[in-house]
Protein backbone atom coordinates (compact mmCIF):
# COMPACT_ATOMS: atom_id res chain seq x y z
CA MET A 1 83.42 10.25 20.43
CA PRO A 2 85.57 12.87 22.24
CA ASN A 3 89.29 12.36 21.93
CA ASN A 4 90.59 14.73 24.57
CA ARG A 5 92.81 13.68 27.45
CA ARG A 6 89.93 13.14 29.87
CA ALA A 7 87.94 11.02 27.40
CA ARG A 8 90.96 8.84 26.64
CA PHE A 9 91.55 8.30 30.35
CA VAL A 10 87.93 7.29 30.97
CA ARG A 11 88.00 4.82 28.07
CA ARG A 12 91.26 3.39 29.35
CA LEU A 13 89.87 3.11 32.88
CA VAL A 14 86.80 1.17 31.75
CA ALA A 15 88.91 -1.14 29.57
CA CYS A 16 91.26 -1.87 32.48
CA LYS A 17 88.30 -2.87 34.64
CA GLU A 18 87.08 -5.24 31.91
CA LEU A 19 90.51 -6.89 31.87
CA ASN A 20 90.49 -7.31 35.66
CA LEU A 21 93.20 -4.69 36.13
CA SER A 22 93.42 -2.17 38.93
CA PRO A 23 92.09 1.36 38.32
CA TRP A 24 95.61 2.52 39.16
CA ASP A 25 96.79 0.83 35.97
CA ALA A 26 94.90 3.46 34.00
CA VAL A 27 96.10 6.46 36.02
CA PRO A 28 98.99 8.54 34.62
CA MET A 29 101.93 8.35 37.02
CA PRO A 30 105.16 10.33 37.36
CA PHE A 31 108.35 9.02 35.82
CA PRO A 32 109.69 7.08 38.87
CA PHE A 33 106.59 4.85 38.77
CA LEU A 34 106.43 4.56 34.98
CA GLU A 35 107.86 1.03 34.90
CA TYR A 36 105.08 -0.29 37.16
CA ARG A 37 102.39 1.47 35.19
CA ARG A 38 103.69 0.10 31.92
CA ARG A 39 104.14 -3.49 33.08
CA TRP A 40 100.71 -4.72 32.05
CA GLU A 41 100.95 -2.80 28.77
CA ARG A 42 104.30 -4.38 28.01
CA GLU A 43 102.96 -7.86 28.68
CA LEU A 44 99.89 -7.17 26.57
CA THR A 45 101.81 -5.79 23.59
CA GLU A 46 104.38 -8.59 23.79
CA ASN A 47 101.49 -11.05 23.48
CA PHE A 48 100.07 -8.98 20.62
CA THR A 49 103.41 -9.11 18.80
CA MET A 50 103.60 -12.88 19.22
CA ALA A 51 100.00 -13.29 18.04
CA PHE A 52 100.67 -11.10 15.00
CA GLY A 53 103.61 -13.28 13.97
CA LEU A 54 101.75 -16.56 14.47
CA ALA A 55 98.70 -15.29 12.59
CA LEU A 56 100.83 -14.01 9.71
CA GLU A 57 102.66 -17.33 9.46
CA GLU A 58 99.45 -19.37 9.31
CA LEU A 59 97.76 -16.89 6.97
CA LEU A 60 100.61 -17.05 4.44
CA TYR A 61 100.65 -20.84 4.60
CA CYS A 62 96.90 -21.16 4.03
CA ALA A 63 96.71 -18.43 1.39
CA HIS A 64 99.20 -20.42 -0.70
CA ARG A 65 97.41 -23.73 0.01
CA GLY A 66 100.37 -25.17 1.86
CA LEU A 67 102.33 -25.39 -1.40
CA VAL A 68 104.95 -22.87 -0.30
CA PRO A 69 107.06 -23.34 2.84
CA VAL A 70 106.68 -20.57 5.40
CA ARG A 71 109.75 -20.53 7.60
CA ARG A 72 110.24 -19.14 11.09
CA GLY A 73 113.85 -18.33 11.89
CA GLU A 74 115.92 -16.93 14.71
CA GLY A 75 114.48 -13.85 16.36
CA GLY A 76 110.97 -14.70 15.17
CA VAL A 77 111.62 -13.78 11.52
CA ILE A 78 109.00 -15.16 9.11
CA THR A 79 109.96 -15.75 5.47
CA ILE A 80 108.22 -16.96 2.33
CA ASP A 81 109.40 -17.16 -1.28
CA THR A 82 106.82 -18.46 -3.74
CA SER A 83 109.46 -18.99 -6.43
CA GLU A 84 110.26 -22.19 -4.51
CA VAL A 85 107.06 -23.81 -5.79
CA ASP A 86 107.89 -26.35 -8.49
CA GLY A 87 106.02 -26.55 -11.79
CA THR A 88 103.91 -29.57 -10.89
CA ARG A 89 102.57 -28.07 -7.69
CA ARG A 90 102.03 -24.71 -9.39
CA ARG A 91 99.94 -26.31 -12.15
CA ARG A 92 97.90 -28.09 -9.49
CA ALA A 93 97.28 -24.76 -7.78
CA VAL A 94 96.17 -23.22 -11.08
CA ASP A 95 93.71 -26.09 -11.58
CA ASP A 96 92.42 -25.53 -8.04
CA ASP A 97 91.87 -21.85 -8.84
CA LYS A 98 89.85 -22.76 -11.93
CA ASN A 99 87.72 -25.17 -9.92
CA GLU A 100 87.09 -22.49 -7.30
CA ASP A 101 85.96 -20.08 -10.01
CA LYS A 102 83.47 -22.67 -11.27
CA ASP A 103 81.87 -23.20 -7.89
CA GLU A 104 82.65 -20.58 -5.26
CA ASP A 105 80.02 -22.06 -2.95
CA GLU A 106 82.07 -25.22 -2.44
CA ASP A 107 84.16 -24.56 0.65
CA GLU A 108 84.76 -28.07 1.95
CA ASN A 109 88.38 -27.94 0.77
CA ASP A 110 88.98 -24.30 1.68
CA PRO A 111 92.08 -24.35 3.93
CA MET A 112 91.03 -21.05 5.48
CA GLU A 113 87.34 -21.73 6.01
CA ASN A 114 88.04 -24.93 7.93
CA ASN A 115 91.15 -23.83 9.83
CA GLU A 116 90.07 -23.37 13.45
CA TYR A 117 93.55 -22.22 14.44
CA LEU A 118 93.55 -19.41 11.86
CA ASN A 119 89.95 -18.39 12.53
CA GLY A 120 90.71 -18.25 16.23
CA MET A 121 93.37 -15.61 15.60
CA LEU A 122 91.90 -13.53 12.76
CA ASP A 123 88.46 -12.13 12.04
CA VAL A 124 86.65 -13.84 9.18
CA ASP A 125 86.37 -10.61 7.16
CA LEU A 126 90.11 -10.07 7.41
CA ILE A 127 90.82 -13.65 6.32
CA ALA A 128 88.56 -13.13 3.29
CA LYS A 129 90.96 -10.48 2.00
CA TYR A 130 93.55 -13.22 1.45
CA ARG A 131 91.29 -16.07 0.39
CA HIS A 132 91.92 -16.00 -3.37
CA VAL A 133 95.65 -15.72 -4.00
CA HIS A 134 96.57 -16.88 -7.51
CA ILE A 135 100.14 -18.06 -7.17
CA ASP A 136 100.54 -18.51 -10.94
CA ASP A 137 100.30 -14.74 -11.47
CA HIS A 138 102.98 -13.50 -9.08
CA ARG A 139 106.13 -14.28 -7.16
CA LEU A 140 106.14 -13.14 -3.55
CA ARG A 141 109.23 -12.66 -1.42
CA LEU A 142 108.52 -11.58 2.12
CA SER A 143 110.58 -11.43 5.29
CA VAL A 144 109.05 -10.05 8.49
CA ARG A 145 110.74 -9.74 11.87
CA PRO A 146 108.77 -7.98 14.64
CA ILE A 147 111.02 -5.57 16.56
CA LYS A 148 108.87 -3.65 19.01
CA SER A 149 105.26 -2.80 19.77
CA ASN A 150 103.26 -0.12 21.51
CA LEU A 151 99.69 0.16 22.81
CA GLU A 152 98.16 3.23 21.16
CA SER A 153 94.62 3.09 22.55
CA ILE A 154 92.22 0.79 24.34
CA PHE A 155 88.50 1.10 25.03
CA ALA A 156 85.45 -0.99 25.90
CA VAL A 157 82.16 -1.32 24.01
CA PRO A 158 79.26 -2.03 26.42
CA LEU A 159 76.50 -4.51 25.61
CA LEU A 160 77.67 -5.46 22.11
CA SER A 161 79.85 -8.14 20.55
CA ARG A 162 80.31 -9.34 16.98
CA GLU A 163 78.32 -12.46 17.78
CA ILE A 164 75.36 -10.39 18.97
CA VAL A 165 75.51 -8.21 15.85
CA LYS A 166 75.77 -11.32 13.68
CA ASN A 167 72.52 -12.62 15.18
CA LYS A 168 70.87 -9.18 15.08
CA PRO A 169 72.33 -7.35 12.06
CA HIS A 170 70.20 -4.25 12.61
CA LEU A 171 72.30 -3.51 15.71
CA ARG A 172 75.43 -2.93 13.62
CA GLY A 173 76.57 0.65 14.06
CA ALA A 174 74.29 1.23 17.07
CA TYR A 175 76.81 3.36 18.96
CA GLN A 176 77.72 5.28 15.83
CA ARG A 177 74.07 6.23 15.48
CA ILE A 178 73.97 7.34 19.11
CA GLU A 179 77.10 9.42 18.61
CA LYS A 180 75.65 10.97 15.46
CA ALA A 181 72.40 11.83 17.25
CA PHE A 182 74.30 13.60 20.03
CA ALA A 183 76.44 15.51 17.52
CA GLU A 184 73.30 16.74 15.75
CA LYS A 185 71.04 17.46 18.74
CA ALA A 186 73.41 17.77 21.73
CA SER A 187 70.65 16.12 23.77
CA PHE A 188 71.65 13.88 26.68
CA ALA A 189 68.00 12.82 26.99
CA GLU A 190 68.07 11.51 23.42
CA VAL A 191 71.32 9.63 24.06
CA LYS A 192 69.82 8.12 27.22
CA ARG A 193 66.69 7.02 25.36
CA MET A 194 68.66 5.43 22.52
CA THR A 195 70.98 3.66 24.97
CA TYR A 196 68.03 2.24 26.92
CA ASP A 197 66.42 1.12 23.66
CA LEU A 198 69.65 -0.64 22.72
CA ALA A 199 69.84 -2.40 26.09
CA ASN A 200 66.23 -3.55 25.79
CA GLU A 201 66.85 -4.82 22.27
CA ILE A 202 69.88 -6.82 23.37
CA GLY A 203 68.01 -8.34 26.28
CA GLU A 204 68.96 -9.40 29.78
CA GLU A 205 70.81 -12.51 28.61
CA ASN A 206 73.49 -10.45 26.84
CA ALA A 207 73.32 -7.36 29.02
CA TYR A 208 76.67 -8.09 30.66
CA THR A 209 78.58 -8.72 27.44
CA ARG A 210 81.27 -6.20 26.55
CA THR A 211 84.00 -5.95 23.94
CA VAL A 212 87.45 -4.50 24.54
CA VAL A 213 89.18 -3.05 21.48
CA ALA A 214 92.91 -2.31 21.50
CA ASP A 215 94.96 -0.55 18.82
CA ALA A 216 98.66 -1.40 18.73
CA THR A 217 101.53 -0.43 16.48
CA ILE A 218 103.94 -3.26 15.68
CA THR A 219 107.28 -2.25 14.17
CA CYS A 220 108.88 -4.88 11.93
CA SER A 221 112.04 -5.23 9.90
CA GLU A 222 110.79 -6.25 6.46
CA PHE A 223 111.68 -7.11 2.91
CA TYR A 224 108.63 -7.16 0.62
CA GLN A 225 108.55 -7.82 -3.10
CA VAL A 226 105.93 -8.94 -5.62
CA LYS A 227 107.04 -9.80 -9.15
CA ASP A 228 104.98 -10.56 -12.23
CA ALA A 229 105.52 -14.25 -12.96
CA ARG A 230 104.54 -13.95 -16.62
CA ASP A 231 106.79 -11.22 -18.03
CA GLY A 232 110.27 -12.01 -16.84
CA GLY A 233 109.96 -10.96 -13.24
CA ILE A 234 109.21 -7.22 -13.31
CA VAL A 235 108.73 -5.87 -9.79
CA LEU A 236 105.07 -4.87 -9.41
CA ARG A 237 105.13 -3.83 -5.76
CA GLY A 238 107.68 -3.48 -3.03
CA MET A 239 111.46 -3.45 -3.09
CA GLU A 240 114.02 -4.16 -5.79
CA ASP A 241 116.44 -7.08 -5.51
CA GLY A 242 119.43 -6.43 -3.29
CA ARG A 243 117.72 -3.84 -1.09
CA ASP A 244 118.17 -4.05 2.67
CA GLU A 245 115.25 -4.68 4.97
CA GLU A 246 113.32 -1.62 6.10
CA GLU A 247 111.45 -0.76 9.26
CA VAL A 248 107.70 -0.87 8.70
CA VAL A 249 105.07 0.07 11.28
CA HIS A 250 101.82 -1.90 11.14
CA ASN A 251 98.62 -0.68 12.79
CA VAL A 252 96.96 -3.76 14.23
CA ARG A 253 93.56 -3.78 15.93
CA PHE A 254 92.76 -6.48 18.47
CA GLU A 255 89.49 -7.37 20.14
CA VAL A 256 88.33 -9.53 23.04
CA VAL A 257 84.89 -10.24 24.53
CA THR A 258 84.34 -10.16 28.28
CA GLU A 259 81.39 -11.56 30.21
CA ARG A 260 80.07 -11.60 33.74
CA ASN A 261 81.61 -14.20 36.04
CA ASP A 262 78.78 -16.20 37.61
CA ASP A 263 81.02 -18.56 39.56
CA GLY A 264 80.78 -16.52 42.74
CA GLY A 265 83.42 -16.73 45.45
CA GLU A 266 86.46 -14.52 45.41
CA ASP A 267 86.26 -14.06 41.64
CA GLY A 268 82.59 -13.17 41.64
CA ASN A 269 83.28 -9.55 40.71
CA ARG A 270 85.91 -10.35 38.11
CA ARG A 271 85.18 -10.57 34.41
CA LYS A 272 85.59 -13.63 32.20
CA VAL A 273 88.02 -12.57 29.50
CA GLY A 274 87.93 -14.45 26.21
CA SER A 275 90.70 -14.81 23.62
CA TRP A 276 92.10 -11.82 21.76
CA LYS A 277 91.59 -11.77 18.00
CA ILE A 278 93.08 -9.60 15.26
CA ILE A 279 90.25 -7.76 13.50
CA ASP A 280 92.15 -5.35 11.24
CA ILE A 281 95.65 -4.73 9.91
CA ASP A 282 96.71 -1.38 8.46
CA ASP A 283 93.06 -0.29 8.10
CA MET A 284 92.34 -2.85 5.39
CA LEU A 285 88.79 -2.98 6.79
CA ASP A 286 88.65 0.65 7.94
CA GLY A 287 88.89 -0.49 11.54
CA ASN A 288 86.35 -3.30 11.06
CA VAL A 289 83.91 -1.43 13.29
CA PHE A 290 80.72 -3.25 14.27
CA HIS A 291 79.44 -0.96 17.01
């Protein structure tokens, strides 16, 4: 996919249309009009920052089975210290870990699997990265306070969504295959044929489904420390005791599905925009690309 100035503008223009924004919102403007142009971006990234904090708070709580308090303080700071877990609750968590190892198919008591709130904010593959946290092995101290955010890129994926790919797994990577074919053959006819084949495979019912993907950087003031709980508290990762918080920039990828509005009337040409979801953080899933 080209990454020159023109290509970035076109991708931004299409994404703005999917979000029911004016084409002017995608057009570069001179400095005197910069505040207007950035208004929708500022609102979007402010919402992203809030969503990131809420998702992190719930994720930490569920990953530690609700045994460790996750606190939200002034300025949106989120803190957790697993050394606060008493011995009785820690032993219970260890027993739970052993039971999970015996039968990994049992998910009725999985606080992540059954948490609609968490699954509504984070992609299931991202949640899986945090599913098995053994709190008897480590001591985590974490403090995160979001400071600022910025929209790095935004683009739309026609025809496809994760739900469609879930139902038709062979469509995963469809646009990557089209891009590869063009890179190898430089044939617009081949790209056209493959695109038409993709549209036919998806079918008329899902022909108006699109996915908007946005990459944002969220700068946080953080203290992060992981200690070994079994050898006297040696720091395994992160910062030593007594260190000040540091600024850390997180790359966070968000995604939302849009659909055709069939209600008619004044909003007949507007798109139905779903709920944004975090699909990757700091490239843990290499972008979590499905298209």
